[in-house]
Amino acid sequence: MSTIKANAIQTLAGVDVSNKILQVINVIKTDTFNTNSTSYAAVPGLSITITPKLSSSSILIIPSINGNSYNRGGTLQLWRNGTTVSALMPSSAGSRGVTNIGGLWTGDGSGDGGMIFGVGTILLDSPATTSATTYAVCARTVDTPSYGTWINKANDDTDNSDFVRAVSSLTVMEVAA
């Protein structure tokens, strides 16, 4: 396998690269994860580091997450370089929690422990950099640690054909401006 490295990339005169996808990176998580923390935790296997070729590029982010948060709910957030991306969060939430991906709330816990819910969205970020940038899906449980949030499985994970497991993915694309 050959590797090509460059200190800078220049466009050729007369070649328009705007609105073109310059690179695509995808990860698929096939194993499970759970957290009982009320603080956000990065979901192992659902992070991507991308190094934009142009500082003017936007990054299109497509998380597709499957899971369950038994009884009281769990929320998901997309973080950039270890922190929330404020430009991708709700602007006025009051005392409510905020999310830029969605939640896995399953109701009151009556018979919903075996369900898996899918949450997906499309986000466009403008990090304005050519430095390595890491996007990560983070999860938390909303209620006390006695409940939890599960990725790719349900709270009730009985090993028979009435219950399912799932996969989740994260895709990022650099789009030239």
Protein backbone atom coordinates (compact mmCIF):
# COMPACT_ATOMS: atom_id res chain seq x y z
CA MET A 1 0.00 0.00 0.00
CA SER A 2 1.33 3.45 -0.90
CA THR A 3 0.96 6.57 1.20
CA ILE A 4 0.95 10.09 -0.16
CA LYS A 5 1.55 12.97 2.24
CA ALA A 6 1.29 16.67 1.47
CA ASN A 7 1.93 19.80 3.48
CA ALA A 8 -0.74 21.71 1.56
CA ILE A 9 -3.38 21.04 -1.05
CA GLN A 10 -4.04 23.64 -3.70
CA THR A 11 -6.86 23.68 -6.18
CA LEU A 12 -6.01 23.93 -9.83
CA ALA A 13 -6.97 27.10 -11.64
CA GLY A 14 -10.44 26.69 -13.08
CA VAL A 15 -11.29 23.60 -10.98
CA ASP A 16 -14.20 24.24 -8.63
CA VAL A 17 -14.15 21.98 -5.55
CA SER A 18 -16.99 23.76 -3.74
CA ASN A 19 -19.86 21.58 -2.55
CA LYS A 20 -17.84 18.43 -3.23
CA ILE A 21 -17.37 15.62 -0.74
CA LEU A 22 -13.64 15.38 -0.09
CA GLN A 23 -13.61 12.43 2.32
CA VAL A 24 -15.97 10.03 4.07
CA ILE A 25 -15.26 8.07 7.25
CA ASN A 26 -17.65 5.55 8.81
CA VAL A 27 -17.58 3.35 11.91
CA ILE A 28 -20.06 0.64 12.80
CA LYS A 29 -20.48 -0.53 16.39
CA THR A 30 -21.57 -4.15 16.55
CA ASP A 31 -21.02 -4.81 20.26
CA THR A 32 -23.01 -3.42 23.20
CA PHE A 33 -22.40 -0.65 25.72
CA ASN A 34 -24.24 0.56 28.78
CA THR A 35 -23.86 3.39 31.24
CA ASN A 36 -25.57 4.10 34.55
CA SER A 37 -23.95 7.52 34.81
CA THR A 38 -25.98 10.72 34.81
CA SER A 39 -22.94 12.41 33.23
CA TYR A 40 -22.16 11.93 29.56
CA ALA A 41 -19.77 9.13 28.67
CA ALA A 42 -18.25 8.53 25.24
CA VAL A 43 -19.63 5.37 23.64
CA PRO A 44 -16.63 3.18 22.73
CA GLY A 45 -16.52 2.48 19.00
CA LEU A 46 -18.67 5.49 18.05
CA SER A 47 -16.02 8.13 17.50
CA ILE A 48 -14.21 9.31 14.40
CA THR A 49 -11.18 11.53 13.91
CA ILE A 50 -11.14 13.46 10.66
CA THR A 51 -8.49 15.90 9.45
CA PRO A 52 -10.18 18.39 7.13
CA LYS A 53 -8.25 19.18 3.96
CA LEU A 54 -9.62 22.75 3.83
CA SER A 55 -10.29 25.08 6.78
CA SER A 56 -13.39 26.37 4.97
CA SER A 57 -14.95 22.90 4.76
CA SER A 58 -18.04 21.82 6.64
CA ILE A 59 -18.33 18.41 8.26
CA LEU A 60 -21.56 16.49 7.67
CA ILE A 61 -22.22 14.14 10.58
CA ILE A 62 -24.72 11.28 10.50
CA PRO A 63 -25.15 9.35 13.77
CA SER A 64 -27.53 6.39 13.72
CA ILE A 65 -27.90 4.96 17.21
CA ASN A 66 -29.96 2.01 18.47
CA GLY A 67 -30.63 1.26 22.10
CA ASN A 68 -32.82 1.50 25.17
CA SER A 69 -32.95 3.49 28.37
CA TYR A 70 -35.17 1.62 30.75
CA ASN A 71 -37.80 3.44 32.78
CA ARG A 72 -36.72 7.08 32.86
CA GLY A 73 -34.75 7.79 29.71
CA GLY A 74 -31.32 8.44 28.39
CA THR A 75 -30.01 11.14 26.10
CA LEU A 76 -27.34 11.22 23.44
CA GLN A 77 -25.06 14.05 22.39
CA LEU A 78 -22.49 14.49 19.65
CA TRP A 79 -19.27 15.99 21.00
CA ARG A 80 -16.35 17.54 19.13
CA ASN A 81 -12.87 17.19 20.67
CA GLY A 82 -14.25 16.20 24.07
CA THR A 83 -16.94 18.85 24.52
CA THR A 84 -20.43 19.66 23.31
CA VAL A 85 -20.72 21.57 20.05
CA SER A 86 -22.72 24.62 21.19
CA ALA A 87 -23.61 25.62 17.62
CA LEU A 88 -25.35 22.25 17.25
CA MET A 89 -27.38 22.44 20.49
CA PRO A 90 -30.84 23.91 21.19
CA SER A 91 -30.62 27.63 21.93
CA SER A 92 -33.31 27.93 24.60
CA ALA A 93 -33.97 24.97 26.85
CA GLY A 94 -34.56 26.46 30.30
CA SER A 95 -33.96 23.74 32.91
CA ARG A 96 -34.52 20.96 30.37
CA GLY A 97 -31.75 18.69 29.22
CA VAL A 98 -30.45 19.27 25.71
CA THR A 99 -29.50 16.90 22.93
CA ASN A 100 -28.34 17.19 19.36
CA ILE A 101 -28.93 13.51 18.52
CA GLY A 102 -32.00 12.50 20.53
CA GLY A 103 -33.14 10.42 23.44
CA LEU A 104 -33.86 6.76 24.13
CA TRP A 105 -36.74 7.27 26.55
CA THR A 106 -38.89 4.15 26.83
CA GLY A 107 -41.69 5.35 29.09
CA ASP A 108 -42.50 4.15 32.56
CA GLY A 109 -40.78 0.78 32.46
CA SER A 110 -43.96 -1.26 32.07
CA GLY A 111 -43.08 -3.88 29.48
CA ASP A 112 -40.69 -1.70 27.53
CA GLY A 113 -37.47 -3.22 28.82
CA GLY A 114 -37.15 -5.46 25.77
CA MET A 115 -37.60 -2.76 23.13
CA ILE A 116 -34.85 -1.17 21.05
CA PHE A 117 -35.30 2.33 19.66
CA GLY A 118 -33.47 3.92 16.75
CA VAL A 119 -32.34 7.54 16.87
CA GLY A 120 -30.74 9.32 13.95
CA THR A 121 -30.10 12.81 12.71
CA ILE A 122 -27.95 14.78 10.30
CA LEU A 123 -25.77 17.62 11.57
CA LEU A 124 -23.52 20.08 9.72
CA ASP A 125 -20.56 21.47 11.65
CA SER A 126 -18.07 24.15 10.64
CA PRO A 127 -14.94 23.55 12.72
CA ALA A 128 -12.81 26.02 10.64
CA THR A 129 -9.63 23.97 10.98
CA THR A 130 -7.30 21.61 9.17
CA SER A 131 -6.30 19.97 12.46
CA ALA A 132 -7.44 16.51 13.46
CA THR A 133 -10.97 16.77 14.82
CA THR A 134 -12.70 14.01 16.78
CA TYR A 135 -16.46 13.53 16.81
CA ALA A 136 -17.90 11.18 19.42
CA VAL A 137 -21.34 9.95 20.41
CA CYS A 138 -21.87 10.32 24.16
CA ALA A 139 -24.66 8.80 26.26
CA ARG A 140 -26.05 9.23 29.75
CA THR A 141 -28.98 8.10 31.84
CA VAL A 142 -31.39 10.82 32.92
CA ASP A 143 -32.52 9.31 36.20
CA THR A 144 -30.70 7.76 39.10
CA PRO A 145 -27.87 5.32 38.45
CA SER A 146 -30.22 2.43 39.28
CA TYR A 147 -31.46 2.76 35.70
CA GLY A 148 -29.26 2.75 32.64
CA THR A 149 -28.83 3.53 28.99
CA TRP A 150 -27.90 0.72 26.61
CA ILE A 151 -26.50 0.92 23.09
CA ASN A 152 -27.28 -1.92 20.61
CA LYS A 153 -29.39 -3.86 23.11
CA ALA A 154 -32.35 -3.48 25.43
CA ASN A 155 -32.45 -3.56 29.21
CA ASP A 156 -34.09 -6.98 29.01
CA ASP A 157 -31.53 -8.84 26.90
CA THR A 158 -32.98 -12.34 27.25
CA ASP A 159 -31.25 -14.80 24.90
CA ASN A 160 -34.20 -15.95 22.77
CA SER A 161 -35.84 -14.98 19.47
CA ASP A 162 -38.30 -12.57 21.13
CA PHE A 163 -35.45 -10.12 21.80
CA VAL A 164 -33.02 -8.40 19.43
CA ARG A 165 -29.60 -6.86 19.24
CA ALA A 166 -28.74 -4.04 16.83
CA VAL A 167 -25.84 -2.08 15.36
CA SER A 168 -25.14 1.65 15.50
CA SER A 169 -23.01 3.79 13.24
CA LEU A 170 -21.37 7.17 12.87
CA THR A 171 -20.49 8.70 9.50
CA VAL A 172 -18.64 11.97 8.88
CA MET A 173 -18.03 13.63 5.53
CA GLU A 174 -15.90 16.63 4.67
CA VAL A 175 -17.78 18.94 2.30
CA ALA A 176 -15.76 21.67 0.56
CA ALA A 177 -17.39 25.11 0.89
